[in-house]
């Protein structure tokens, strides 16, 4: 899907403080407040490094393969692992105990 207009995101021009405090989005919030809502044409173009078109097609192909392999019970997890590999899943599994311990430490001190 190609962008219809050339409206680059102000995030790309924002300094580190504006990025940290989300100051770069102020104009969009003002426009939303003034109009009451936003249309797709009001949104900024996605930077090319965030475009997920190729990944979307790859996931779609893997999903169709998965539906052919096991039509009764296709697995989205299996299709996703074929698309992205095991790394994101393993990182997520490693983060679960860290987040759990962090939450336990925060709430046990009260």
PDB file of N, CA and C in Angstrom:
ATOM      1  N   UNK A   1       0.847  -1.177   0.000  1.00  0.00           N
ATOM      2  CA  UNK A   1       0.000   0.000   0.000  1.00  0.00           C
ATOM      3  C   UNK A   1       0.889   1.236   0.000  1.00  0.00           C
ATOM      4  N   UNK A   2       0.844   1.988  -1.036  1.00  0.00           N
ATOM      5  CA  UNK A   2       1.650   3.198  -1.176  1.00  0.00           C
ATOM      6  C   UNK A   2       0.940   4.380  -0.528  1.00  0.00           C
ATOM      7  N   UNK A   3       1.696   5.270   0.133  1.00  0.00           N
ATOM      8  CA  UNK A   3       1.070   6.460   0.696  1.00  0.00           C
ATOM      9  C   UNK A   3       0.551   7.365  -0.416  1.00  0.00           C
ATOM     10  N   UNK A   4      -0.621   7.967  -0.181  1.00  0.00           N
ATOM     11  CA  UNK A   4      -1.216   8.808  -1.208  1.00  0.00           C
ATOM     12  C   UNK A   4      -0.663  10.225  -1.171  1.00  0.00           C
ATOM     13  N   UNK A   5      -0.186  10.663  -0.037  1.00  0.00           N
ATOM     14  CA  UNK A   5       0.410  11.987   0.074  1.00  0.00           C
ATOM     15  C   UNK A   5       1.807  11.838   0.638  1.00  0.00           C
ATOM     16  N   UNK A   6       2.566  12.900   0.527  1.00  0.00           N
ATOM     17  CA  UNK A   6       3.894  12.887   1.114  1.00  0.00           C
ATOM     18  C   UNK A   6       3.875  13.786   2.336  1.00  0.00           C
ATOM     19  N   UNK A   7       3.541  13.202   3.464  1.00  0.00           N
ATOM     20  CA  UNK A   7       3.453  13.935   4.722  1.00  0.00           C
ATOM     21  C   UNK A   7       4.311  13.216   5.755  1.00  0.00           C
ATOM     22  N   UNK A   8       5.636  13.487   5.757  1.00  0.00           N
ATOM     23  CA  UNK A   8       6.513  12.761   6.672  1.00  0.00           C
ATOM     24  C   UNK A   8       6.198  13.084   8.129  1.00  0.00           C
ATOM     25  N   UNK A   9       6.415  12.112   8.968  1.00  0.00           N
ATOM     26  CA  UNK A   9       6.143  12.262  10.392  1.00  0.00           C
ATOM     27  C   UNK A   9       7.096  13.275  11.021  1.00  0.00           C
ATOM     28  N   UNK A  10       6.580  14.171  11.873  1.00  0.00           N
ATOM     29  CA  UNK A  10       7.459  15.108  12.571  1.00  0.00           C
ATOM     30  C   UNK A  10       8.390  14.394  13.552  1.00  0.00           C
ATOM     31  N   UNK A  11       8.098  13.149  13.865  1.00  0.00           N
ATOM     32  CA  UNK A  11       8.976  12.356  14.727  1.00  0.00           C
ATOM     33  C   UNK A  11      10.379  12.268  14.131  1.00  0.00           C
ATOM     34  N   UNK A  12      10.452  12.220  12.807  1.00  0.00           N
ATOM     35  CA  UNK A  12      11.744  12.106  12.131  1.00  0.00           C
ATOM     36  C   UNK A  12      12.596  13.361  12.292  1.00  0.00           C
ATOM     37  N   UNK A  13      11.959  14.506  12.519  1.00  0.00           N
ATOM     38  CA  UNK A  13      12.687  15.770  12.690  1.00  0.00           C
ATOM     39  C   UNK A  13      12.816  16.177  14.161  1.00  0.00           C
ATOM     40  N   UNK A  14      12.155  15.465  15.057  1.00  0.00           N
ATOM     41  CA  UNK A  14      12.108  15.854  16.468  1.00  0.00           C
ATOM     42  C   UNK A  14      13.432  15.566  17.173  1.00  0.00           C
ATOM     43  N   UNK A  15      13.741  16.415  18.164  1.00  0.00           N
ATOM     44  CA  UNK A  15      14.939  16.162  18.960  1.00  0.00           C
ATOM     45  C   UNK A  15      14.627  15.098  20.016  1.00  0.00           C
ATOM     46  N   UNK A  16      15.648  14.699  20.785  1.00  0.00           N
ATOM     47  CA  UNK A  16      15.458  13.587  21.720  1.00  0.00           C
ATOM     48  C   UNK A  16      14.444  13.913  22.813  1.00  0.00           C
ATOM     49  N   UNK A  17      14.361  15.168  23.245  1.00  0.00           N
ATOM     50  CA  UNK A  17      13.402  15.520  24.299  1.00  0.00           C
ATOM     51  C   UNK A  17      11.977  15.504  23.766  1.00  0.00           C
ATOM     52  N   UNK A  18      11.813  15.990  22.555  1.00  0.00           N
ATOM     53  CA  UNK A  18      10.490  15.962  21.930  1.00  0.00           C
ATOM     54  C   UNK A  18      10.035  14.520  21.708  1.00  0.00           C
ATOM     55  N   UNK A  19      10.959  13.655  21.347  1.00  0.00           N
ATOM     56  CA  UNK A  19      10.620  12.239  21.178  1.00  0.00           C
ATOM     57  C   UNK A  19      10.285  11.597  22.515  1.00  0.00           C
ATOM     58  N   UNK A  20      11.063  11.914  23.545  1.00  0.00           N
ATOM     59  CA  UNK A  20      10.841  11.312  24.862  1.00  0.00           C
ATOM     60  C   UNK A  20       9.508  11.745  25.458  1.00  0.00           C
ATOM     61  N   UNK A  21       9.186  13.034  25.360  1.00  0.00           N
ATOM     62  CA  UNK A  21       7.951  13.564  25.941  1.00  0.00           C
ATOM     63  C   UNK A  21       6.789  13.612  24.940  1.00  0.00           C
ATOM     64  N   UNK A  22       6.990  13.049  23.749  1.00  0.00           N
ATOM     65  CA  UNK A  22       5.965  12.991  22.703  1.00  0.00           C
ATOM     66  C   UNK A  22       5.485  14.376  22.281  1.00  0.00           C
ATOM     67  N   UNK A  23       6.351  15.361  22.339  1.00  0.00           N
ATOM     68  CA  UNK A  23       6.004  16.712  21.915  1.00  0.00           C
ATOM     69  C   UNK A  23       5.799  16.827  20.419  1.00  0.00           C
ATOM     70  N   UNK A  24       6.358  15.907  19.670  1.00  0.00           N
ATOM     71  CA  UNK A  24       6.254  15.935  18.213  1.00  0.00           C
ATOM     72  C   UNK A  24       4.827  15.687  17.730  1.00  0.00           C
ATOM     73  N   UNK A  25       3.973  15.176  18.596  1.00  0.00           N
ATOM     74  CA  UNK A  25       2.612  14.828  18.178  1.00  0.00           C
ATOM     75  C   UNK A  25       1.594  15.909  18.541  1.00  0.00           C
ATOM     76  N   UNK A  26       2.059  17.015  19.108  1.00  0.00           N
ATOM     77  CA  UNK A  26       1.168  18.082  19.566  1.00  0.00           C
ATOM     78  C   UNK A  26       0.260  18.603  18.457  1.00  0.00           C
ATOM     79  N   UNK A  27       0.813  18.846  17.268  1.00  0.00           N
ATOM     80  CA  UNK A  27       0.002  19.383  16.170  1.00  0.00           C
ATOM     81  C   UNK A  27      -1.131  18.434  15.786  1.00  0.00           C
ATOM     82  N   UNK A  28      -0.855  17.154  15.787  1.00  0.00           N
ATOM     83  CA  UNK A  28      -1.888  16.179  15.456  1.00  0.00           C
ATOM     84  C   UNK A  28      -2.980  16.158  16.532  1.00  0.00           C
ATOM     85  N   UNK A  29      -2.585  16.283  17.792  1.00  0.00           N
ATOM     86  CA  UNK A  29      -3.568  16.326  18.877  1.00  0.00           C
ATOM     87  C   UNK A  29      -4.425  17.583  18.805  1.00  0.00           C
ATOM     88  N   UNK A  30      -3.807  18.708  18.449  1.00  0.00           N
ATOM     89  CA  UNK A  30      -4.573  19.953  18.288  1.00  0.00           C
ATOM     90  C   UNK A  30      -5.602  19.805  17.167  1.00  0.00           C
ATOM     91  N   UNK A  31      -5.174  19.204  16.071  1.00  0.00           N
ATOM     92  CA  UNK A  31      -6.074  18.998  14.938  1.00  0.00           C
ATOM     93  C   UNK A  31      -7.229  18.077  15.327  1.00  0.00           C
ATOM     94  N   UNK A  32      -6.930  17.050  16.083  1.00  0.00           N
ATOM     95  CA  UNK A  32      -7.960  16.126  16.550  1.00  0.00           C
ATOM     96  C   UNK A  32      -8.957  16.829  17.461  1.00  0.00           C
ATOM     97  N   UNK A  33      -8.451  17.664  18.342  1.00  0.00           N
ATOM     98  CA  UNK A  33      -9.328  18.396  19.262  1.00  0.00           C
ATOM     99  C   UNK A  33     -10.217  19.378  18.500  1.00  0.00           C
ATOM    100  N   UNK A  34      -9.633  20.037  17.515  1.00  0.00           N
ATOM    101  CA  UNK A  34     -10.377  21.027  16.732  1.00  0.00           C
ATOM    102  C   UNK A  34     -11.459  20.363  15.873  1.00  0.00           C
ATOM    103  N   UNK A  35     -11.115  19.253  15.206  1.00  0.00           N
ATOM    104  CA  UNK A  35     -12.055  18.574  14.315  1.00  0.00           C
ATOM    105  C   UNK A  35     -13.001  17.632  15.060  1.00  0.00           C
ATOM    106  N   UNK A  36     -12.584  17.178  16.221  1.00  0.00           N
ATOM    107  CA  UNK A  36     -13.372  16.206  16.965  1.00  0.00           C
ATOM    108  C   UNK A  36     -13.016  14.768  16.636  1.00  0.00           C
ATOM    109  N   UNK A  37     -12.348  14.566  15.524  1.00  0.00           N
ATOM    110  CA  UNK A  37     -11.917  13.232  15.106  1.00  0.00           C
ATOM    111  C   UNK A  37     -10.805  13.375  14.065  1.00  0.00           C
ATOM    112  N   UNK A  38     -10.147  12.274  13.773  1.00  0.00           N
ATOM    113  CA  UNK A  38      -9.101  12.269  12.749  1.00  0.00           C
ATOM    114  C   UNK A  38      -9.486  11.319  11.624  1.00  0.00           C
ATOM    115  N   UNK A  39      -9.124  11.674  10.420  1.00  0.00           N
ATOM    116  CA  UNK A  39      -9.290  10.800   9.258  1.00  0.00           C
ATOM    117  C   UNK A  39      -7.941  10.173   8.941  1.00  0.00           C
ATOM    118  N   UNK A  40      -7.943   9.165   8.086  1.00  0.00           N
ATOM    119  CA  UNK A  40      -6.679   8.558   7.659  1.00  0.00           C
ATOM    120  C   UNK A  40      -5.786   9.567   6.952  1.00  0.00           C
ATOM    121  N   UNK A  41      -6.396  10.542   6.286  1.00  0.00           N
ATOM    122  CA  UNK A  41      -5.604  11.546   5.571  1.00  0.00           C
ATOM    123  C   UNK A  41      -4.894  12.500   6.528  1.00  0.00           C
ATOM    124  N   UNK A  42      -5.338  12.562   7.785  1.00  0.00           N
ATOM    125  CA  UNK A  42      -4.699  13.426   8.775  1.00  0.00           C
ATOM    126  C   UNK A  42      -3.420  12.805   9.343  1.00  0.00           C
ATOM    127  N   UNK A  43      -3.294  11.502   9.222  1.00  0.00           N
ATOM    128  CA  UNK A  43      -2.159  10.806   9.820  1.00  0.00           C
ATOM    129  C   UNK A  43      -0.911  10.953   8.957  1.00  0.00           C
ATOM    130  N   UNK A  44       0.234  10.855   9.604  1.00  0.00           N
ATOM    131  CA  UNK A  44       1.512  10.991   8.910  1.00  0.00           C
ATOM    132  C   UNK A  44       1.871   9.697   8.200  1.00  0.00           C
ATOM    133  N   UNK A  45       2.717   9.812   7.186  1.00  0.00           N
ATOM    134  CA  UNK A  45       3.205   8.631   6.479  1.00  0.00           C
ATOM    135  C   UNK A  45       4.102   7.820   7.405  1.00  0.00           C
ATOM    136  N   UNK A  46       4.101   6.523   7.204  1.00  0.00           N
ATOM    137  CA  UNK A  46       4.954   5.631   7.983  1.00  0.00           C
ATOM    138  C   UNK A  46       6.362   5.703   7.397  1.00  0.00           C
ATOM    139  N   UNK A  47       7.387   5.854   8.242  1.00  0.00           N
ATOM    140  CA  UNK A  47       8.755   5.818   7.715  1.00  0.00           C
ATOM    141  C   UNK A  47       9.023   4.474   7.038  1.00  0.00           C
ATOM    142  N   UNK A  48       9.843   4.487   6.020  1.00  0.00           N
ATOM    143  CA  UNK A  48      10.078   3.275   5.230  1.00  0.00           C
ATOM    144  C   UNK A  48      10.645   2.131   6.072  1.00  0.00           C
ATOM    145  N   UNK A  49      11.420   2.445   7.112  1.00  0.00           N
ATOM    146  CA  UNK A  49      11.999   1.383   7.926  1.00  0.00           C
ATOM    147  C   UNK A  49      10.955   0.701   8.819  1.00  0.00           C
ATOM    148  N   UNK A  50       9.747   1.263   8.919  1.00  0.00           N
ATOM    149  CA  UNK A  50       8.674   0.640   9.692  1.00  0.00           C
ATOM    150  C   UNK A  50       7.640  -0.054   8.806  1.00  0.00           C
ATOM    151  N   UNK A  51       7.842  -0.028   7.509  1.00  0.00           N
ATOM    152  CA  UNK A  51       6.891  -0.644   6.591  1.00  0.00           C
ATOM    153  C   UNK A  51       6.924  -2.165   6.757  1.00  0.00           C
ATOM    154  N   UNK A  52       5.769  -2.755   6.947  1.00  0.00           N
ATOM    155  CA  UNK A  52       5.675  -4.191   7.214  1.00  0.00           C
ATOM    156  C   UNK A  52       5.049  -4.967   6.064  1.00  0.00           C
ATOM    157  N   UNK A  53       5.060  -4.402   4.871  1.00  0.00           N
ATOM    158  CA  UNK A  53       4.400  -5.047   3.739  1.00  0.00           C
ATOM    159  C   UNK A  53       4.997  -6.421   3.440  1.00  0.00           C
ATOM    160  N   UNK A  54       6.323  -6.518   3.362  1.00  0.00           N
ATOM    161  CA  UNK A  54       6.961  -7.802   3.055  1.00  0.00           C
ATOM    162  C   UNK A  54       6.662  -8.834   4.135  1.00  0.00           C
ATOM    163  N   UNK A  55       6.733  -8.400   5.388  1.00  0.00           N
ATOM    164  CA  UNK A  55       6.461  -9.306   6.500  1.00  0.00           C
ATOM    165  C   UNK A  55       5.004  -9.760   6.498  1.00  0.00           C
ATOM    166  N   UNK A  56       4.100  -8.866   6.126  1.00  0.00           N
ATOM    167  CA  UNK A  56       2.681  -9.212   6.043  1.00  0.00           C
ATOM    168  C   UNK A  56       2.451 -10.288   4.994  1.00  0.00           C
ATOM    169  N   UNK A  57       3.061 -10.131   3.832  1.00  0.00           N
ATOM    170  CA  UNK A  57       2.915 -11.132   2.771  1.00  0.00           C
ATOM    171  C   UNK A  57       3.510 -12.476   3.194  1.00  0.00           C
ATOM    172  N   UNK A  58       4.642 -12.420   3.892  1.00  0.00           N
ATOM    173  CA  UNK A  58       5.285 -13.655   4.346  1.00  0.00           C
ATOM    174  C   UNK A  58       4.406 -14.372   5.376  1.00  0.00           C
ATOM    175  N   UNK A  59       3.829 -13.614   6.315  1.00  0.00           N
ATOM    176  CA  UNK A  59       2.941 -14.215   7.313  1.00  0.00           C
ATOM    177  C   UNK A  59       1.689 -14.785   6.650  1.00  0.00           C
ATOM    178  N   UNK A  60       1.149 -14.062   5.690  1.00  0.00           N
ATOM    179  CA  UNK A  60      -0.040 -14.544   4.987  1.00  0.00           C
ATOM    180  C   UNK A  60       0.253 -15.864   4.269  1.00  0.00           C
ATOM    181  N   UNK A  61       1.395 -15.945   3.598  1.00  0.00           N
ATOM    182  CA  UNK A  61       1.771 -17.180   2.900  1.00  0.00           C
ATOM    183  C   UNK A  61       1.952 -18.324   3.893  1.00  0.00           C
ATOM    184  N   UNK A  62       2.601 -18.043   5.032  1.00  0.00           N
ATOM    185  CA  UNK A  62       2.788 -19.075   6.050  1.00  0.00           C
ATOM    186  C   UNK A  62       1.462 -19.499   6.670  1.00  0.00           C
ATOM    187  N   UNK A  63       0.529 -18.573   6.806  1.00  0.00           N
ATOM    188  CA  UNK A  63      -0.785 -18.911   7.349  1.00  0.00           C
ATOM    189  C   UNK A  63      -1.544 -19.835   6.384  1.00  0.00           C
ATOM    190  N   UNK A  64      -1.493 -19.527   5.090  1.00  0.00           N
ATOM    191  CA  UNK A  64      -2.156 -20.394   4.112  1.00  0.00           C
ATOM    192  C   UNK A  64      -1.511 -21.778   4.085  1.00  0.00           C
ATOM    193  N   UNK A  65      -0.179 -21.834   4.207  1.00  0.00           N
ATOM    194  CA  UNK A  65       0.509 -23.127   4.294  1.00  0.00           C
ATOM    195  C   UNK A  65       0.051 -23.895   5.529  1.00  0.00           C
ATOM    196  N   UNK A  66      -0.085 -23.193   6.632  1.00  0.00           N
ATOM    197  CA  UNK A  66      -0.522 -23.816   7.885  1.00  0.00           C
ATOM    198  C   UNK A  66      -1.945 -24.356   7.754  1.00  0.00           C
ATOM    199  N   UNK A  67      -2.811 -23.614   7.077  1.00  0.00           N
ATOM    200  CA  UNK A  67      -4.188 -24.082   6.888  1.00  0.00           C
ATOM    201  C   UNK A  67      -4.230 -25.309   5.974  1.00  0.00           C
ATOM    202  N   UNK A  68      -3.283 -25.415   5.041  1.00  0.00           N
ATOM    203  CA  UNK A  68      -3.214 -26.602   4.187  1.00  0.00           C
ATOM    204  C   UNK A  68      -2.689 -27.804   4.972  1.00  0.00           C
ATOM    205  N   UNK A  69      -1.707 -27.565   5.840  1.00  0.00           N
ATOM    206  CA  UNK A  69      -1.093 -28.656   6.604  1.00  0.00           C
ATOM    207  C   UNK A  69      -2.055 -29.256   7.624  1.00  0.00           C
ATOM    208  N   UNK A  70      -2.759 -28.403   8.328  1.00  0.00           N
ATOM    209  CA  UNK A  70      -3.717 -28.903   9.324  1.00  0.00           C
ATOM    210  C   UNK A  70      -5.005 -28.094   9.236  1.00  0.00           C
ATOM    211  N   UNK A  71      -5.877 -28.456   8.309  1.00  0.00           N
ATOM    212  CA  UNK A  71      -7.097 -27.673   8.088  1.00  0.00           C
ATOM    213  C   UNK A  71      -8.059 -27.676   9.278  1.00  0.00           C
ATOM    214  N   UNK A  72      -8.043 -28.740  10.098  1.00  0.00           N
ATOM    215  CA  UNK A  72      -8.952 -28.788  11.243  1.00  0.00           C
ATOM    216  C   UNK A  72      -8.512 -27.851  12.365  1.00  0.00           C
ATOM    217  N   UNK A  73      -7.202 -27.735  12.548  1.00  0.00           N
ATOM    218  CA  UNK A  73      -6.705 -26.942  13.672  1.00  0.00           C
ATOM    219  C   UNK A  73      -5.421 -26.202  13.280  1.00  0.00           C
ATOM    220  N   UNK A  74      -5.524 -25.167  12.442  1.00  0.00           N
ATOM    221  CA  UNK A  74      -4.318 -24.410  12.081  1.00  0.00           C
ATOM    222  C   UNK A  74      -3.829 -23.588  13.279  1.00  0.00           C
ATOM    223  N   UNK A  75      -2.524 -23.421  13.367  1.00  0.00           N
ATOM    224  CA  UNK A  75      -1.925 -22.715  14.498  1.00  0.00           C
ATOM    225  C   UNK A  75      -1.299 -21.396  14.036  1.00  0.00           C
ATOM    226  N   UNK A  76      -1.834 -20.304  14.565  1.00  0.00           N
ATOM    227  CA  UNK A  76      -1.271 -18.991  14.247  1.00  0.00           C
ATOM    228  C   UNK A  76       0.126 -18.844  14.847  1.00  0.00           C
ATOM    229  N   UNK A  77       0.352 -19.467  16.000  1.00  0.00           N
ATOM    230  CA  UNK A  77       1.680 -19.415  16.629  1.00  0.00           C
ATOM    231  C   UNK A  77       2.706 -20.077  15.715  1.00  0.00           C
ATOM    232  N   UNK A  78       2.361 -21.233  15.169  1.00  0.00           N
ATOM    233  CA  UNK A  78       3.288 -21.934  14.272  1.00  0.00           C
ATOM    234  C   UNK A  78       3.580 -21.108  13.022  1.00  0.00           C
ATOM    235  N   UNK A  79       2.551 -20.486  12.448  1.00  0.00           N
ATOM    236  CA  UNK A  79       2.746 -19.642  11.261  1.00  0.00           C
ATOM    237  C   UNK A  79       3.607 -18.426  11.597  1.00  0.00           C
ATOM    238  N   UNK A  80       3.399 -17.862  12.774  1.00  0.00           N
ATOM    239  CA  UNK A  80       4.189 -16.704  13.201  1.00  0.00           C
ATOM    240  C   UNK A  80       5.645 -17.084  13.431  1.00  0.00           C
ATOM    241  N   UNK A  81       5.875 -18.247  14.051  1.00  0.00           N
ATOM    242  CA  UNK A  81       7.251 -18.710  14.276  1.00  0.00           C
ATOM    243  C   UNK A  81       7.947 -18.973  12.943  1.00  0.00           C
ATOM    244  N   UNK A  82       7.225 -19.503  11.969  1.00  0.00           N
ATOM    245  CA  UNK A  82       7.819 -19.699  10.638  1.00  0.00           C
ATOM    246  C   UNK A  82       8.165 -18.362   9.986  1.00  0.00           C
ATOM    247  N   UNK A  83       7.398 -17.338  10.310  1.00  0.00           N
ATOM    248  CA  UNK A  83       7.631 -16.019   9.717  1.00  0.00           C
ATOM    249  C   UNK A  83       8.773 -15.288  10.404  1.00  0.00           C
ATOM    250  N   UNK A  84       8.744 -15.236  11.737  1.00  0.00           N
ATOM    251  CA  UNK A  84       9.701 -14.426  12.493  1.00  0.00           C
ATOM    252  C   UNK A  84      10.871 -15.216  13.062  1.00  0.00           C
ATOM    253  N   UNK A  85      10.727 -16.524  13.172  1.00  0.00           N
ATOM    254  CA  UNK A  85      11.732 -17.331  13.838  1.00  0.00           C
ATOM    255  C   UNK A  85      11.410 -17.438  15.324  1.00  0.00           C
ATOM    256  N   UNK A  86      12.288 -18.092  16.061  1.00  0.00           N
ATOM    257  CA  UNK A  86      12.053 -18.327  17.488  1.00  0.00           C
ATOM    258  C   UNK A  86      12.487 -17.167  18.376  1.00  0.00           C
ATOM    259  N   UNK A  87      13.309 -16.270  17.893  1.00  0.00           N
ATOM    260  CA  UNK A  87      13.886 -15.217  18.736  1.00  0.00           C
ATOM    261  C   UNK A  87      12.849 -14.368  19.465  1.00  0.00           C
ATOM    262  N   UNK A  88      11.834 -13.786  18.804  1.00  0.00           N
ATOM    263  CA  UNK A  88      10.861 -12.971  19.545  1.00  0.00           C
ATOM    264  C   UNK A  88      10.113 -13.764  20.612  1.00  0.00           C
ATOM    265  N   UNK A  89       9.796 -15.032  20.310  1.00  0.00           N
ATOM    266  CA  UNK A  89       9.089 -15.868  21.276  1.00  0.00           C
ATOM    267  C   UNK A  89       9.967 -16.149  22.493  1.00  0.00           C
ATOM    268  N   UNK A  90      11.229 -16.462  22.268  1.00  0.00           N
ATOM    269  CA  UNK A  90      12.144 -16.743  23.379  1.00  0.00           C
ATOM    270  C   UNK A  90      12.391 -15.504  24.232  1.00  0.00           C
ATOM    271  N   UNK A  91      12.531 -14.358  23.598  1.00  0.00           N
ATOM    272  CA  UNK A  91      12.711 -13.115  24.357  1.00  0.00           C
ATOM    273  C   UNK A  91      11.489 -12.855  25.222  1.00  0.00           C
ATOM    274  N   UNK A  92      10.301 -13.058  24.668  1.00  0.00           N
ATOM    275  CA  UNK A  92       9.070 -12.889  25.439  1.00  0.00           C
ATOM    276  C   UNK A  92       9.007 -13.837  26.620  1.00  0.00           C
ATOM    277  N   UNK A  93       9.398 -15.094  26.410  1.00  0.00           N
ATOM    278  CA  UNK A  93       9.384 -16.067  27.503  1.00  0.00           C
ATOM    279  C   UNK A  93      10.402 -15.714  28.584  1.00  0.00           C
ATOM    280  N   UNK A  94      11.527 -15.142  28.191  1.00  0.00           N
ATOM    281  CA  UNK A  94      12.525 -14.722  29.180  1.00  0.00           C
ATOM    282  C   UNK A  94      12.068 -13.498  29.967  1.00  0.00           C
ATOM    283  N   UNK A  95      11.257 -12.660  29.347  1.00  0.00           N
ATOM    284  CA  UNK A  95      10.790 -11.450  30.029  1.00  0.00           C
ATOM    285  C   UNK A  95       9.688 -11.727  31.046  1.00  0.00           C
ATOM    286  N   UNK A  96       8.958 -12.821  30.896  1.00  0.00           N
ATOM    287  CA  UNK A  96       7.861 -13.124  31.825  1.00  0.00           C
ATOM    288  C   UNK A  96       8.352 -13.204  33.270  1.00  0.00           C
ATOM    289  N   UNK A  97       9.405 -13.979  33.589  1.00  0.00           N
ATOM    290  CA  UNK A  97       9.849 -14.012  34.995  1.00  0.00           C
ATOM    291  C   UNK A  97      10.392 -12.669  35.479  1.00  0.00           C
ATOM    292  N   UNK A  98      11.036 -11.930  34.600  1.00  0.00           N
ATOM    293  CA  UNK A  98      11.577 -10.628  35.003  1.00  0.00           C
ATOM    294  C   UNK A  98      10.450  -9.690  35.390  1.00  0.00           C
ATOM    295  N   UNK A  99       9.419  -9.628  34.572  1.00  0.00           N
ATOM    296  CA  UNK A  99       8.277  -8.759  34.857  1.00  0.00           C
ATOM    297  C   UNK A  99       7.554  -9.240  36.110  1.00  0.00           C
ATOM    298  N   UNK A 100       7.422 -10.548  36.276  1.00  0.00           N
ATOM    299  CA  UNK A 100       6.742 -11.094  37.456  1.00  0.00           C
ATOM    300  C   UNK A 100       7.501 -10.761  38.733  1.00  0.00           C
ATOM    301  N   UNK A 101       8.807 -10.937  38.710  1.00  0.00           N
ATOM    302  CA  UNK A 101       9.623 -10.626  39.891  1.00  0.00           C
ATOM    303  C   UNK A 101       9.577  -9.138  40.183  1.00  0.00           C
ATOM    304  N   UNK A 102       9.644  -8.333  39.143  1.00  0.00           N
ATOM    305  CA  UNK A 102       9.567  -6.881  39.309  1.00  0.00           C
ATOM    306  C   UNK A 102       8.255  -6.484  39.976  1.00  0.00           C
ATOM    307  N   UNK A 103       7.147  -7.025  39.495  1.00  0.00           N
ATOM    308  CA  UNK A 103       5.842  -6.721  40.079  1.00  0.00           C
ATOM    309  C   UNK A 103       5.750  -7.191  41.513  1.00  0.00           C
ATOM    310  N   UNK A 104       6.287  -8.380  41.784  1.00  0.00           N
ATOM    311  CA  UNK A 104       6.265  -8.905  43.141  1.00  0.00           C
ATOM    312  C   UNK A 104       7.065  -8.001  44.079  1.00  0.00           C
ATOM    313  N   UNK A 105       8.237  -7.521  43.626  1.00  0.00           N
ATOM    314  CA  UNK A 105       9.073  -6.658  44.462  1.00  0.00           C
ATOM    315  C   UNK A 105       8.394  -5.323  44.727  1.00  0.00           C
ATOM    316  N   UNK A 106       7.721  -4.778  43.734  1.00  0.00           N
ATOM    317  CA  UNK A 106       7.049  -3.488  43.904  1.00  0.00           C
ATOM    318  C   UNK A 106       5.903  -3.606  44.888  1.00  0.00           C
ATOM    319  N   UNK A 107       5.080  -4.640  44.737  1.00  0.00           N
ATOM    320  CA  UNK A 107       3.885  -4.759  45.573  1.00  0.00           C
ATOM    321  C   UNK A 107       4.163  -5.374  46.936  1.00  0.00           C
ATOM    322  N   UNK A 108       5.279  -6.075  47.113  1.00  0.00           N
ATOM    323  CA  UNK A 108       5.573  -6.665  48.419  1.00  0.00           C
ATOM    324  C   UNK A 108       6.117  -5.634  49.403  1.00  0.00           C
ATOM    325  N   UNK A 109       6.597  -4.503  48.910  1.00  0.00           N
ATOM    326  CA  UNK A 109       7.133  -3.470  49.797  1.00  0.00           C
ATOM    327  C   UNK A 109       6.052  -2.580  50.378  1.00  0.00           C
ATOM    328  N   UNK A 110       4.823  -2.710  49.924  1.00  0.00           N
ATOM    329  CA  UNK A 110       3.740  -1.855  50.427  1.00  0.00           C
ATOM    330  C   UNK A 110       3.135  -2.410  51.663  1.00  0.00           C
TER     331      UNK A 110
END
